[in-house]
């Protein structure tokens, strides 16, 4: 079963996406900060995919970006415009977003389809 980390301070979004992924057989763990997610990854298996909210995770900080990009894939939920300083291979999704759009993209990526 693939593992997905959801990193956002928005607990309603985190809970909704996590619940939907769990219902689809994908292990989804939610974190309020990148530091919490990195700590969990160090003490357990590294996730197959990280979904990070760019209003929560500062991808311009070298430590956060390099640590998160160690995951095989990274999806960044972005506000207006493209997020800056995306790690190579990262996928950006712009708001407004529905939970179904996020979970569909996660499934698509995990199944190896082009993002």
PDB file of N, CA and C in Angstrom:
ATOM      1  N   UNK A   1       0.846  -1.168   0.000  1.00  0.00           N
ATOM      2  CA  UNK A   1       0.000   0.000   0.000  1.00  0.00           C
ATOM      3  C   UNK A   1       0.895   1.237   0.000  1.00  0.00           C
ATOM      4  N   UNK A   2       0.671   2.172  -0.947  1.00  0.00           N
ATOM      5  CA  UNK A   2       1.483   3.386  -0.976  1.00  0.00           C
ATOM      6  C   UNK A   2       1.195   4.279   0.224  1.00  0.00           C
ATOM      7  N   UNK A   3       2.198   5.068   0.577  1.00  0.00           N
ATOM      8  CA  UNK A   3       2.071   6.017   1.685  1.00  0.00           C
ATOM      9  C   UNK A   3       2.151   7.434   1.150  1.00  0.00           C
ATOM     10  N   UNK A   4       1.205   8.268   1.587  1.00  0.00           N
ATOM     11  CA  UNK A   4       1.158   9.670   1.184  1.00  0.00           C
ATOM     12  C   UNK A   4       1.205  10.529   2.441  1.00  0.00           C
ATOM     13  N   UNK A   5       2.056  11.542   2.425  1.00  0.00           N
ATOM     14  CA  UNK A   5       2.084  12.543   3.493  1.00  0.00           C
ATOM     15  C   UNK A   5       1.328  13.767   3.004  1.00  0.00           C
ATOM     16  N   UNK A   6       0.415  14.275   3.837  1.00  0.00           N
ATOM     17  CA  UNK A   6      -0.317  15.505   3.562  1.00  0.00           C
ATOM     18  C   UNK A   6       0.176  16.555   4.531  1.00  0.00           C
ATOM     19  N   UNK A   7       0.735  17.645   4.017  1.00  0.00           N
ATOM     20  CA  UNK A   7       1.282  18.694   4.886  1.00  0.00           C
ATOM     21  C   UNK A   7       0.539  19.993   4.614  1.00  0.00           C
ATOM     22  N   UNK A   8      -0.306  20.357   5.564  1.00  0.00           N
ATOM     23  CA  UNK A   8      -1.019  21.634   5.496  1.00  0.00           C
ATOM     24  C   UNK A   8      -1.514  22.000   6.882  1.00  0.00           C
ATOM     25  N   UNK A   9      -1.471  23.281   7.178  1.00  0.00           N
ATOM     26  CA  UNK A   9      -1.995  23.754   8.456  1.00  0.00           C
ATOM     27  C   UNK A   9      -3.522  23.780   8.450  1.00  0.00           C
ATOM     28  N   UNK A  10      -4.131  23.681   7.274  1.00  0.00           N
ATOM     29  CA  UNK A  10      -5.580  23.665   7.134  1.00  0.00           C
ATOM     30  C   UNK A  10      -6.101  22.274   7.504  1.00  0.00           C
ATOM     31  N   UNK A  11      -6.535  22.124   8.750  1.00  0.00           N
ATOM     32  CA  UNK A  11      -6.913  20.793   9.237  1.00  0.00           C
ATOM     33  C   UNK A  11      -8.140  20.247   8.517  1.00  0.00           C
ATOM     34  N   UNK A  12      -9.021  21.098   8.029  1.00  0.00           N
ATOM     35  CA  UNK A  12     -10.205  20.590   7.335  1.00  0.00           C
ATOM     36  C   UNK A  12      -9.813  19.972   5.994  1.00  0.00           C
ATOM     37  N   UNK A  13      -8.919  20.618   5.283  1.00  0.00           N
ATOM     38  CA  UNK A  13      -8.428  20.061   4.024  1.00  0.00           C
ATOM     39  C   UNK A  13      -7.646  18.787   4.286  1.00  0.00           C
ATOM     40  N   UNK A  14      -6.769  18.833   5.267  1.00  0.00           N
ATOM     41  CA  UNK A  14      -5.939  17.673   5.612  1.00  0.00           C
ATOM     42  C   UNK A  14      -6.824  16.475   5.957  1.00  0.00           C
ATOM     43  N   UNK A  15      -7.841  16.680   6.795  1.00  0.00           N
ATOM     44  CA  UNK A  15      -8.715  15.586   7.220  1.00  0.00           C
ATOM     45  C   UNK A  15      -9.541  15.038   6.060  1.00  0.00           C
ATOM     46  N   UNK A  16     -10.054  15.921   5.211  1.00  0.00           N
ATOM     47  CA  UNK A  16     -10.897  15.478   4.102  1.00  0.00           C
ATOM     48  C   UNK A  16     -10.106  14.679   3.066  1.00  0.00           C
ATOM     49  N   UNK A  17      -8.932  15.176   2.693  1.00  0.00           N
ATOM     50  CA  UNK A  17      -8.104  14.463   1.705  1.00  0.00           C
ATOM     51  C   UNK A  17      -7.624  13.145   2.295  1.00  0.00           C
ATOM     52  N   UNK A  18      -7.222  13.178   3.533  1.00  0.00           N
ATOM     53  CA  UNK A  18      -6.742  11.957   4.201  1.00  0.00           C
ATOM     54  C   UNK A  18      -7.842  10.904   4.249  1.00  0.00           C
ATOM     55  N   UNK A  19      -9.047  11.287   4.631  1.00  0.00           N
ATOM     56  CA  UNK A  19     -10.167  10.347   4.715  1.00  0.00           C
ATOM     57  C   UNK A  19     -10.477   9.731   3.352  1.00  0.00           C
ATOM     58  N   UNK A  20     -10.472  10.546   2.321  1.00  0.00           N
ATOM     59  CA  UNK A  20     -10.766  10.048   0.979  1.00  0.00           C
ATOM     60  C   UNK A  20      -9.680   9.077   0.494  1.00  0.00           C
ATOM     61  N   UNK A  21      -8.423   9.405   0.740  1.00  0.00           N
ATOM     62  CA  UNK A  21      -7.338   8.502   0.335  1.00  0.00           C
ATOM     63  C   UNK A  21      -7.391   7.193   1.109  1.00  0.00           C
ATOM     64  N   UNK A  22      -7.655   7.269   2.406  1.00  0.00           N
ATOM     65  CA  UNK A  22      -7.772   6.049   3.213  1.00  0.00           C
ATOM     66  C   UNK A  22      -8.896   5.162   2.687  1.00  0.00           C
ATOM     67  N   UNK A  23     -10.016   5.763   2.295  1.00  0.00           N
ATOM     68  CA  UNK A  23     -11.143   5.012   1.745  1.00  0.00           C
ATOM     69  C   UNK A  23     -10.779   4.324   0.432  1.00  0.00           C
ATOM     70  N   UNK A  24      -9.773   4.860  -0.257  1.00  0.00           N
ATOM     71  CA  UNK A  24      -9.325   4.290  -1.532  1.00  0.00           C
ATOM     72  C   UNK A  24      -8.154   3.324  -1.361  1.00  0.00           C
ATOM     73  N   UNK A  25      -7.819   3.009  -0.113  1.00  0.00           N
ATOM     74  CA  UNK A  25      -6.761   2.042   0.148  1.00  0.00           C
ATOM     75  C   UNK A  25      -5.357   2.608   0.110  1.00  0.00           C
ATOM     76  N   UNK A  26      -5.223   3.899   0.277  1.00  0.00           N
ATOM     77  CA  UNK A  26      -3.919   4.555   0.278  1.00  0.00           C
ATOM     78  C   UNK A  26      -3.641   5.027   1.696  1.00  0.00           C
ATOM     79  N   UNK A  27      -2.499   4.628   2.252  1.00  0.00           N
ATOM     80  CA  UNK A  27      -2.131   5.084   3.591  1.00  0.00           C
ATOM     81  C   UNK A  27      -1.796   6.571   3.513  1.00  0.00           C
ATOM     82  N   UNK A  28      -2.558   7.374   4.234  1.00  0.00           N
ATOM     83  CA  UNK A  28      -2.371   8.821   4.204  1.00  0.00           C
ATOM     84  C   UNK A  28      -2.165   9.322   5.620  1.00  0.00           C
ATOM     85  N   UNK A  29      -1.068  10.030   5.819  1.00  0.00           N
ATOM     86  CA  UNK A  29      -0.750  10.595   7.123  1.00  0.00           C
ATOM     87  C   UNK A  29      -0.746  12.108   7.006  1.00  0.00           C
ATOM     88  N   UNK A  30      -1.406  12.780   7.949  1.00  0.00           N
ATOM     89  CA  UNK A  30      -1.503  14.230   7.900  1.00  0.00           C
ATOM     90  C   UNK A  30      -0.567  14.900   8.888  1.00  0.00           C
ATOM     91  N   UNK A  31       0.008  16.036   8.461  1.00  0.00           N
ATOM     92  CA  UNK A  31       0.936  16.792   9.300  1.00  0.00           C
ATOM     93  C   UNK A  31       0.643  18.271   9.167  1.00  0.00           C
ATOM     94  N   UNK A  32       0.806  18.981  10.258  1.00  0.00           N
ATOM     95  CA  UNK A  32       0.571  20.417  10.276  1.00  0.00           C
ATOM     96  C   UNK A  32       1.776  21.194   9.747  1.00  0.00           C
ATOM     97  N   UNK A  33       2.963  20.580   9.789  1.00  0.00           N
ATOM     98  CA  UNK A  33       4.161  21.284   9.328  1.00  0.00           C
ATOM     99  C   UNK A  33       5.117  20.317   8.643  1.00  0.00           C
ATOM    100  N   UNK A  34       6.021  20.893   7.842  1.00  0.00           N
ATOM    101  CA  UNK A  34       7.039  20.083   7.172  1.00  0.00           C
ATOM    102  C   UNK A  34       7.957  19.430   8.197  1.00  0.00           C
ATOM    103  N   UNK A  35       8.256  20.145   9.281  1.00  0.00           N
ATOM    104  CA  UNK A  35       9.129  19.583  10.314  1.00  0.00           C
ATOM    105  C   UNK A  35       8.523  18.320  10.916  1.00  0.00           C
ATOM    106  N   UNK A  36       7.217  18.325  11.167  1.00  0.00           N
ATOM    107  CA  UNK A  36       6.549  17.140  11.706  1.00  0.00           C
ATOM    108  C   UNK A  36       6.630  15.974  10.709  1.00  0.00           C
ATOM    109  N   UNK A  37       6.413  16.266   9.434  1.00  0.00           N
ATOM    110  CA  UNK A  37       6.458  15.227   8.405  1.00  0.00           C
ATOM    111  C   UNK A  37       7.864  14.651   8.259  1.00  0.00           C
ATOM    112  N   UNK A  38       8.852  15.516   8.273  1.00  0.00           N
ATOM    113  CA  UNK A  38      10.240  15.057   8.141  1.00  0.00           C
ATOM    114  C   UNK A  38      10.634  14.203   9.337  1.00  0.00           C
ATOM    115  N   UNK A  39      10.219  14.614  10.516  1.00  0.00           N
ATOM    116  CA  UNK A  39      10.495  13.825  11.721  1.00  0.00           C
ATOM    117  C   UNK A  39       9.863  12.436  11.610  1.00  0.00           C
ATOM    118  N   UNK A  40       8.622  12.370  11.131  1.00  0.00           N
ATOM    119  CA  UNK A  40       7.945  11.073  10.973  1.00  0.00           C
ATOM    120  C   UNK A  40       8.641  10.205   9.932  1.00  0.00           C
ATOM    121  N   UNK A  41       9.102  10.817   8.847  1.00  0.00           N
ATOM    122  CA  UNK A  41       9.768  10.054   7.793  1.00  0.00           C
ATOM    123  C   UNK A  41      11.102   9.494   8.258  1.00  0.00           C
ATOM    124  N   UNK A  42      11.808  10.256   9.083  1.00  0.00           N
ATOM    125  CA  UNK A  42      13.104   9.806   9.580  1.00  0.00           C
ATOM    126  C   UNK A  42      12.934   8.585  10.489  1.00  0.00           C
ATOM    127  N   UNK A  43      11.845   8.564  11.254  1.00  0.00           N
ATOM    128  CA  UNK A  43      11.635   7.462  12.188  1.00  0.00           C
ATOM    129  C   UNK A  43      10.824   6.326  11.583  1.00  0.00           C
ATOM    130  N   UNK A  44      10.353   6.482  10.364  1.00  0.00           N
ATOM    131  CA  UNK A  44       9.566   5.431   9.723  1.00  0.00           C
ATOM    132  C   UNK A  44       9.867   5.390   8.241  1.00  0.00           C
ATOM    133  N   UNK A  45       9.022   4.736   7.467  1.00  0.00           N
ATOM    134  CA  UNK A  45       9.269   4.682   6.020  1.00  0.00           C
ATOM    135  C   UNK A  45       9.048   6.036   5.364  1.00  0.00           C
ATOM    136  N   UNK A  46       9.865   6.317   4.345  1.00  0.00           N
ATOM    137  CA  UNK A  46       9.705   7.559   3.600  1.00  0.00           C
ATOM    138  C   UNK A  46       8.466   7.405   2.713  1.00  0.00           C
ATOM    139  N   UNK A  47       7.676   8.479   2.542  1.00  0.00           N
ATOM    140  CA  UNK A  47       6.435   8.367   1.759  1.00  0.00           C
ATOM    141  C   UNK A  47       6.702   8.202   0.264  1.00  0.00           C
ATOM    142  N   UNK A  48       5.735   7.604  -0.407  1.00  0.00           N
ATOM    143  CA  UNK A  48       5.805   7.497  -1.864  1.00  0.00           C
ATOM    144  C   UNK A  48       5.486   8.833  -2.523  1.00  0.00           C
ATOM    145  N   UNK A  49       4.662   9.637  -1.844  1.00  0.00           N
ATOM    146  CA  UNK A  49       4.220  10.906  -2.387  1.00  0.00           C
ATOM    147  C   UNK A  49       3.986  11.882  -1.244  1.00  0.00           C
ATOM    148  N   UNK A  50       4.349  13.140  -1.462  1.00  0.00           N
ATOM    149  CA  UNK A  50       4.096  14.200  -0.483  1.00  0.00           C
ATOM    150  C   UNK A  50       3.187  15.223  -1.153  1.00  0.00           C
ATOM    151  N   UNK A  51       2.086  15.567  -0.482  1.00  0.00           N
ATOM    152  CA  UNK A  51       1.208  16.644  -0.919  1.00  0.00           C
ATOM    153  C   UNK A  51       1.408  17.769   0.084  1.00  0.00           C
ATOM    154  N   UNK A  52       1.950  18.892  -0.380  1.00  0.00           N
ATOM    155  CA  UNK A  52       2.301  19.994   0.515  1.00  0.00           C
ATOM    156  C   UNK A  52       1.593  21.273   0.093  1.00  0.00           C
ATOM    157  N   UNK A  53       1.086  21.988   1.061  1.00  0.00           N
ATOM    158  CA  UNK A  53       0.438  23.277   0.849  1.00  0.00           C
ATOM    159  C   UNK A  53       1.519  24.347   0.886  1.00  0.00           C
ATOM    160  N   UNK A  54       1.668  25.118  -0.189  1.00  0.00           N
ATOM    161  CA  UNK A  54       2.760  26.091  -0.216  1.00  0.00           C
ATOM    162  C   UNK A  54       2.544  27.251   0.755  1.00  0.00           C
ATOM    163  N   UNK A  55       1.349  27.370   1.331  1.00  0.00           N
ATOM    164  CA  UNK A  55       1.166  28.380   2.375  1.00  0.00           C
ATOM    165  C   UNK A  55       1.641  27.853   3.731  1.00  0.00           C
ATOM    166  N   UNK A  56       1.882  26.554   3.821  1.00  0.00           N
ATOM    167  CA  UNK A  56       2.377  25.915   5.047  1.00  0.00           C
ATOM    168  C   UNK A  56       3.857  25.585   4.947  1.00  0.00           C
ATOM    169  N   UNK A  57       4.264  25.077   3.797  1.00  0.00           N
ATOM    170  CA  UNK A  57       5.647  24.644   3.577  1.00  0.00           C
ATOM    171  C   UNK A  57       6.361  25.690   2.740  1.00  0.00           C
ATOM    172  N   UNK A  58       7.434  26.241   3.276  1.00  0.00           N
ATOM    173  CA  UNK A  58       8.219  27.234   2.560  1.00  0.00           C
ATOM    174  C   UNK A  58       9.255  26.516   1.708  1.00  0.00           C
ATOM    175  N   UNK A  59       8.930  26.359   0.434  1.00  0.00           N
ATOM    176  CA  UNK A  59       9.834  25.630  -0.458  1.00  0.00           C
ATOM    177  C   UNK A  59      11.074  26.425  -0.833  1.00  0.00           C
ATOM    178  N   UNK A  60      11.132  27.686  -0.421  1.00  0.00           N
ATOM    179  CA  UNK A  60      12.330  28.475  -0.718  1.00  0.00           C
ATOM    180  C   UNK A  60      13.438  28.214   0.296  1.00  0.00           C
ATOM    181  N   UNK A  61      13.108  27.556   1.408  1.00  0.00           N
ATOM    182  CA  UNK A  61      14.138  27.199   2.383  1.00  0.00           C
ATOM    183  C   UNK A  61      14.841  25.937   1.897  1.00  0.00           C
ATOM    184  N   UNK A  62      16.141  25.973   1.748  1.00  0.00           N
ATOM    185  CA  UNK A  62      16.854  24.809   1.227  1.00  0.00           C
ATOM    186  C   UNK A  62      16.605  23.533   2.024  1.00  0.00           C
ATOM    187  N   UNK A  63      16.531  23.621   3.338  1.00  0.00           N
ATOM    188  CA  UNK A  63      16.341  22.404   4.127  1.00  0.00           C
ATOM    189  C   UNK A  63      14.989  21.769   3.862  1.00  0.00           C
ATOM    190  N   UNK A  64      13.923  22.569   3.863  1.00  0.00           N
ATOM    191  CA  UNK A  64      12.575  22.034   3.644  1.00  0.00           C
ATOM    192  C   UNK A  64      12.451  21.452   2.247  1.00  0.00           C
ATOM    193  N   UNK A  65      12.909  22.186   1.253  1.00  0.00           N
ATOM    194  CA  UNK A  65      12.782  21.721  -0.128  1.00  0.00           C
ATOM    195  C   UNK A  65      13.589  20.458  -0.371  1.00  0.00           C
ATOM    196  N   UNK A  66      14.815  20.418   0.110  1.00  0.00           N
ATOM    197  CA  UNK A  66      15.644  19.237  -0.145  1.00  0.00           C
ATOM    198  C   UNK A  66      15.136  18.031   0.622  1.00  0.00           C
ATOM    199  N   UNK A  67      14.651  18.239   1.829  1.00  0.00           N
ATOM    200  CA  UNK A  67      14.117  17.119   2.603  1.00  0.00           C
ATOM    201  C   UNK A  67      12.852  16.568   1.972  1.00  0.00           C
ATOM    202  N   UNK A  68      11.952  17.446   1.547  1.00  0.00           N
ATOM    203  CA  UNK A  68      10.710  16.992   0.929  1.00  0.00           C
ATOM    204  C   UNK A  68      10.949  16.358  -0.428  1.00  0.00           C
ATOM    205  N   UNK A  69      11.922  16.873  -1.164  1.00  0.00           N
ATOM    206  CA  UNK A  69      12.168  16.325  -2.492  1.00  0.00           C
ATOM    207  C   UNK A  69      12.841  14.960  -2.445  1.00  0.00           C
ATOM    208  N   UNK A  70      13.223  14.503  -1.263  1.00  0.00           N
ATOM    209  CA  UNK A  70      13.720  13.133  -1.132  1.00  0.00           C
ATOM    210  C   UNK A  70      12.607  12.139  -1.399  1.00  0.00           C
ATOM    211  N   UNK A  71      11.352  12.565  -1.232  1.00  0.00           N
ATOM    212  CA  UNK A  71      10.233  11.699  -1.585  1.00  0.00           C
ATOM    213  C   UNK A  71      10.276  11.482  -3.085  1.00  0.00           C
ATOM    214  N   UNK A  72       9.749  10.369  -3.529  1.00  0.00           N
ATOM    215  CA  UNK A  72       9.823  10.101  -4.956  1.00  0.00           C
ATOM    216  C   UNK A  72       9.024  11.121  -5.758  1.00  0.00           C
ATOM    217  N   UNK A  73       7.967  11.679  -5.181  1.00  0.00           N
ATOM    218  CA  UNK A  73       7.129  12.629  -5.892  1.00  0.00           C
ATOM    219  C   UNK A  73       6.631  13.704  -4.938  1.00  0.00           C
ATOM    220  N   UNK A  74       6.363  14.894  -5.473  1.00  0.00           N
ATOM    221  CA  UNK A  74       5.885  16.003  -4.656  1.00  0.00           C
ATOM    222  C   UNK A  74       4.787  16.742  -5.408  1.00  0.00           C
ATOM    223  N   UNK A  75       3.638  16.903  -4.756  1.00  0.00           N
ATOM    224  CA  UNK A  75       2.547  17.715  -5.291  1.00  0.00           C
ATOM    225  C   UNK A  75       2.428  18.934  -4.394  1.00  0.00           C
ATOM    226  N   UNK A  76       2.422  20.118  -4.985  1.00  0.00           N
ATOM    227  CA  UNK A  76       2.330  21.350  -4.221  1.00  0.00           C
ATOM    228  C   UNK A  76       0.988  22.004  -4.503  1.00  0.00           C
ATOM    229  N   UNK A  77       0.219  22.230  -3.435  1.00  0.00           N
ATOM    230  CA  UNK A  77      -1.040  22.953  -3.540  1.00  0.00           C
ATOM    231  C   UNK A  77      -0.704  24.424  -3.436  1.00  0.00           C
ATOM    232  N   UNK A  78      -1.054  25.179  -4.454  1.00  0.00           N
ATOM    233  CA  UNK A  78      -0.588  26.557  -4.569  1.00  0.00           C
ATOM    234  C   UNK A  78      -1.748  27.538  -4.596  1.00  0.00           C
ATOM    235  N   UNK A  79      -1.466  28.731  -4.149  1.00  0.00           N
ATOM    236  CA  UNK A  79      -2.427  29.821  -4.250  1.00  0.00           C
ATOM    237  C   UNK A  79      -2.387  30.395  -5.654  1.00  0.00           C
ATOM    238  N   UNK A  80      -2.501  31.700  -5.753  1.00  0.00           N
ATOM    239  CA  UNK A  80      -2.493  32.368  -7.053  1.00  0.00           C
ATOM    240  C   UNK A  80      -1.114  32.244  -7.688  1.00  0.00           C
ATOM    241  N   UNK A  81      -1.078  31.877  -8.950  1.00  0.00           N
ATOM    242  CA  UNK A  81       0.191  31.768  -9.670  1.00  0.00           C
ATOM    243  C   UNK A  81       0.915  30.476  -9.349  1.00  0.00           C
ATOM    244  N   UNK A  82       2.012  30.298 -10.019  1.00  0.00           N
ATOM    245  CA  UNK A  82       2.837  29.112  -9.808  1.00  0.00           C
ATOM    246  C   UNK A  82       3.673  29.267  -8.551  1.00  0.00           C
ATOM    247  N   UNK A  83       3.830  28.190  -7.770  1.00  0.00           N
ATOM    248  CA  UNK A  83       4.731  28.281  -6.627  1.00  0.00           C
ATOM    249  C   UNK A  83       6.161  28.479  -7.113  1.00  0.00           C
ATOM    250  N   UNK A  84       6.946  29.167  -6.328  1.00  0.00           N
ATOM    251  CA  UNK A  84       8.330  29.436  -6.704  1.00  0.00           C
ATOM    252  C   UNK A  84       9.240  28.340  -6.161  1.00  0.00           C
ATOM    253  N   UNK A  85      10.304  28.104  -6.881  1.00  0.00           N
ATOM    254  CA  UNK A  85      11.359  27.183  -6.442  1.00  0.00           C
ATOM    255  C   UNK A  85      10.845  25.761  -6.227  1.00  0.00           C
ATOM    256  N   UNK A  86      10.110  25.240  -7.180  1.00  0.00           N
ATOM    257  CA  UNK A  86       9.671  23.849  -7.074  1.00  0.00           C
ATOM    258  C   UNK A  86      10.863  22.924  -7.301  1.00  0.00           C
ATOM    259  N   UNK A  87      10.976  21.878  -6.502  1.00  0.00           N
ATOM    260  CA  UNK A  87      12.021  20.885  -6.769  1.00  0.00           C
ATOM    261  C   UNK A  87      11.751  20.205  -8.111  1.00  0.00           C
ATOM    262  N   UNK A  88      12.780  19.673  -8.759  1.00  0.00           N
ATOM    263  CA  UNK A  88      12.585  18.996 -10.044  1.00  0.00           C
ATOM    264  C   UNK A  88      11.572  17.857  -9.911  1.00  0.00           C
ATOM    265  N   UNK A  89      10.687  17.753 -10.885  1.00  0.00           N
ATOM    266  CA  UNK A  89       9.703  16.689 -10.900  1.00  0.00           C
ATOM    267  C   UNK A  89       8.448  16.960 -10.091  1.00  0.00           C
ATOM    268  N   UNK A  90       8.409  18.095  -9.394  1.00  0.00           N
ATOM    269  CA  UNK A  90       7.233  18.427  -8.587  1.00  0.00           C
ATOM    270  C   UNK A  90       6.075  18.851  -9.491  1.00  0.00           C
ATOM    271  N   UNK A  91       4.872  18.611  -9.018  1.00  0.00           N
ATOM    272  CA  UNK A  91       3.657  18.976  -9.731  1.00  0.00           C
ATOM    273  C   UNK A  91       2.932  20.035  -8.916  1.00  0.00           C
ATOM    274  N   UNK A  92       2.482  21.102  -9.578  1.00  0.00           N
ATOM    275  CA  UNK A  92       1.741  22.157  -8.876  1.00  0.00           C
ATOM    276  C   UNK A  92       0.264  22.066  -9.233  1.00  0.00           C
ATOM    277  N   UNK A  93      -0.581  22.231  -8.235  1.00  0.00           N
ATOM    278  CA  UNK A  93      -2.031  22.314  -8.429  1.00  0.00           C
ATOM    279  C   UNK A  93      -2.477  23.654  -7.852  1.00  0.00           C
ATOM    280  N   UNK A  94      -3.176  24.443  -8.644  1.00  0.00           N
ATOM    281  CA  UNK A  94      -3.604  25.773  -8.201  1.00  0.00           C
ATOM    282  C   UNK A  94      -4.987  25.742  -7.578  1.00  0.00           C
ATOM    283  N   UNK A  95      -5.145  26.566  -6.554  1.00  0.00           N
ATOM    284  CA  UNK A  95      -6.454  26.755  -5.938  1.00  0.00           C
ATOM    285  C   UNK A  95      -7.322  27.616  -6.848  1.00  0.00           C
ATOM    286  N   UNK A  96      -8.614  27.491  -6.751  1.00  0.00           N
ATOM    287  CA  UNK A  96      -9.383  26.651  -5.831  1.00  0.00           C
ATOM    288  C   UNK A  96      -9.359  25.189  -6.278  1.00  0.00           C
ATOM    289  N   UNK A  97      -9.338  24.304  -5.299  1.00  0.00           N
ATOM    290  CA  UNK A  97      -9.284  22.864  -5.545  1.00  0.00           C
ATOM    291  C   UNK A  97     -10.367  22.159  -4.752  1.00  0.00           C
ATOM    292  N   UNK A  98     -10.879  21.094  -5.326  1.00  0.00           N
ATOM    293  CA  UNK A  98     -11.802  20.221  -4.607  1.00  0.00           C
ATOM    294  C   UNK A  98     -11.006  19.018  -4.122  1.00  0.00           C
ATOM    295  N   UNK A  99     -11.486  18.407  -3.048  1.00  0.00           N
ATOM    296  CA  UNK A  99     -10.835  17.215  -2.507  1.00  0.00           C
ATOM    297  C   UNK A  99     -10.720  16.145  -3.588  1.00  0.00           C
ATOM    298  N   UNK A 100     -11.758  15.973  -4.378  1.00  0.00           N
ATOM    299  CA  UNK A 100     -11.748  14.955  -5.442  1.00  0.00           C
ATOM    300  C   UNK A 100     -10.648  15.210  -6.464  1.00  0.00           C
ATOM    301  N   UNK A 101     -10.348  16.474  -6.754  1.00  0.00           N
ATOM    302  CA  UNK A 101      -9.276  16.792  -7.706  1.00  0.00           C
ATOM    303  C   UNK A 101      -7.915  16.399  -7.131  1.00  0.00           C
ATOM    304  N   UNK A 102      -7.724  16.663  -5.862  1.00  0.00           N
ATOM    305  CA  UNK A 102      -6.447  16.326  -5.215  1.00  0.00           C
ATOM    306  C   UNK A 102      -6.272  14.815  -5.175  1.00  0.00           C
ATOM    307  N   UNK A 103      -7.295  14.105  -4.737  1.00  0.00           N
ATOM    308  CA  UNK A 103      -7.165  12.650  -4.618  1.00  0.00           C
ATOM    309  C   UNK A 103      -7.039  11.984  -5.986  1.00  0.00           C
ATOM    310  N   UNK A 104      -7.704  12.531  -7.001  1.00  0.00           N
ATOM    311  CA  UNK A 104      -7.564  11.976  -8.355  1.00  0.00           C
ATOM    312  C   UNK A 104      -6.137  12.143  -8.859  1.00  0.00           C
ATOM    313  N   UNK A 105      -5.531  13.321  -8.602  1.00  0.00           N
ATOM    314  CA  UNK A 105      -4.148  13.547  -9.037  1.00  0.00           C
ATOM    315  C   UNK A 105      -3.194  12.624  -8.287  1.00  0.00           C
ATOM    316  N   UNK A 106      -3.433  12.434  -6.994  1.00  0.00           N
ATOM    317  CA  UNK A 106      -2.595  11.528  -6.194  1.00  0.00           C
ATOM    318  C   UNK A 106      -2.671  10.115  -6.773  1.00  0.00           C
ATOM    319  N   UNK A 107      -3.870   9.613  -7.036  1.00  0.00           N
ATOM    320  CA  UNK A 107      -4.019   8.267  -7.615  1.00  0.00           C
ATOM    321  C   UNK A 107      -3.329   8.183  -8.968  1.00  0.00           C
ATOM    322  N   UNK A 108      -3.512   9.208  -9.796  1.00  0.00           N
ATOM    323  CA  UNK A 108      -2.904   9.236 -11.124  1.00  0.00           C
ATOM    324  C   UNK A 108      -1.383   9.118 -11.024  1.00  0.00           C
ATOM    325  N   UNK A 109      -0.790   9.878 -10.139  1.00  0.00           N
ATOM    326  CA  UNK A 109       0.667   9.860  -9.977  1.00  0.00           C
ATOM    327  C   UNK A 109       1.141   8.525  -9.429  1.00  0.00           C
ATOM    328  N   UNK A 110       0.447   8.016  -8.406  1.00  0.00           N
ATOM    329  CA  UNK A 110       0.849   6.741  -7.807  1.00  0.00           C
ATOM    330  C   UNK A 110       0.720   5.577  -8.792  1.00  0.00           C
ATOM    331  N   UNK A 111      -0.203   5.687  -9.739  1.00  0.00           N
ATOM    332  CA  UNK A 111      -0.377   4.644 -10.747  1.00  0.00           C
ATOM    333  C   UNK A 111       0.611   4.792 -11.904  1.00  0.00           C
ATOM    334  N   UNK A 112       1.462   5.831 -11.840  1.00  0.00           N
ATOM    335  CA  UNK A 112       2.507   6.009 -12.843  1.00  0.00           C
ATOM    336  C   UNK A 112       2.051   6.697 -14.106  1.00  0.00           C
ATOM    337  N   UNK A 113       0.866   7.310 -14.082  1.00  0.00           N
ATOM    338  CA  UNK A 113       0.406   8.050 -15.241  1.00  0.00           C
ATOM    339  C   UNK A 113       1.041   9.428 -15.242  1.00  0.00           C
ATOM    340  N   UNK A 114       1.215  10.024 -16.401  1.00  0.00           N
ATOM    341  CA  UNK A 114       1.798  11.357 -16.461  1.00  0.00           C
ATOM    342  C   UNK A 114       0.954  12.359 -15.681  1.00  0.00           C
ATOM    343  N   UNK A 115       1.618  13.250 -14.964  1.00  0.00           N
ATOM    344  CA  UNK A 115       0.892  14.229 -14.143  1.00  0.00           C
ATOM    345  C   UNK A 115       0.419  15.350 -14.941  1.00  0.00           C
TER     346      UNK A 115
END
